[in-house]
Protein backbone atom coordinates (compact mmCIF):
# COMPACT_ATOMS: atom_id res chain seq x y z
CA UNK A 1 2.77 -8.10 -60.69
CA UNK A 2 4.37 -5.87 -58.05
CA UNK A 3 8.11 -6.30 -57.44
CA UNK A 4 10.18 -4.65 -54.70
CA UNK A 5 13.08 -2.58 -56.06
CA UNK A 6 14.61 -0.77 -53.11
CA UNK A 7 14.19 0.62 -49.62
CA UNK A 8 15.78 3.77 -48.30
CA UNK A 9 15.75 5.68 -45.04
CA UNK A 10 15.54 9.44 -44.60
CA UNK A 11 16.76 10.55 -41.18
CA UNK A 12 15.73 14.05 -40.08
CA UNK A 13 17.67 16.20 -37.65
CA UNK A 14 16.62 19.46 -36.06
CA UNK A 15 19.29 22.14 -36.04
CA UNK A 16 19.37 24.82 -33.35
CA UNK A 17 18.24 28.17 -34.77
CA UNK A 18 16.78 26.72 -38.00
CA UNK A 19 13.15 25.92 -38.79
CA UNK A 20 13.88 23.43 -41.54
CA UNK A 21 15.18 19.99 -40.55
CA UNK A 22 18.29 18.53 -42.17
CA UNK A 23 17.79 15.26 -44.05
CA UNK A 24 20.35 12.45 -44.23
CA UNK A 25 19.49 9.69 -46.73
CA UNK A 26 20.61 6.07 -46.44
CA UNK A 27 20.18 3.93 -49.58
CA UNK A 28 20.22 0.19 -50.24
CA UNK A 29 18.50 -0.89 -47.04
CA UNK A 30 16.98 -4.36 -46.61
CA UNK A 31 13.42 -4.80 -47.87
CA UNK A 32 11.69 -4.68 -44.48
CA UNK A 33 13.85 -3.01 -41.84
CA UNK A 34 12.81 -3.46 -38.20
CA UNK A 35 11.44 -0.31 -36.54
CA UNK A 36 13.61 -0.71 -33.43
CA UNK A 37 16.74 -1.00 -35.61
CA UNK A 38 15.77 2.13 -37.56
CA UNK A 39 15.37 4.09 -34.33
CA UNK A 40 18.60 2.68 -32.85
CA UNK A 41 20.55 3.74 -35.94
CA UNK A 42 19.00 7.22 -35.75
CA UNK A 43 20.11 7.51 -32.14
CA UNK A 44 23.59 6.34 -33.12
CA UNK A 45 23.75 9.02 -35.83
CA UNK A 46 22.60 11.52 -33.22
CA UNK A 47 25.64 10.67 -31.09
CA UNK A 48 28.13 11.41 -33.86
CA UNK A 49 26.56 14.65 -35.14
CA UNK A 50 27.31 18.07 -33.66
CA UNK A 51 25.57 18.96 -30.38
CA UNK A 52 23.46 21.54 -32.26
CA UNK A 53 21.73 18.72 -34.18
CA UNK A 54 18.98 16.53 -32.68
CA UNK A 55 17.50 13.36 -34.22
CA UNK A 56 13.78 13.93 -34.88
CA UNK A 57 12.37 11.16 -37.06
CA UNK A 58 12.87 8.71 -39.91
CA UNK A 59 10.92 8.19 -43.13
CA UNK A 60 11.06 4.74 -44.76
CA UNK A 61 10.95 5.02 -48.55
CA UNK A 62 9.93 1.84 -50.41
CA UNK A 63 10.13 1.64 -54.19
CA UNK A 64 8.25 -1.06 -56.12
CA UNK A 65 7.65 -1.68 -59.80
CA UNK A 66 4.27 -2.79 -61.13
CA UNK A 67 4.48 -4.63 -64.45
CA UNK A 68 1.70 -4.41 -67.02
């Protein structure tokens, strides 16, 4: 049997002058977050970060346990 354990979000921001994006992780998210809400929160984070950072994308990380 497969049981949901957790969902997390990884928000990625581009930084002027750097090739590698910066990752901001949010833990303890509801089991099935709505895509529009995920994007809206990313845009909100974008507003409160320095001007040199730009919201790029989000990765949804789901963790489940499969019992023998």
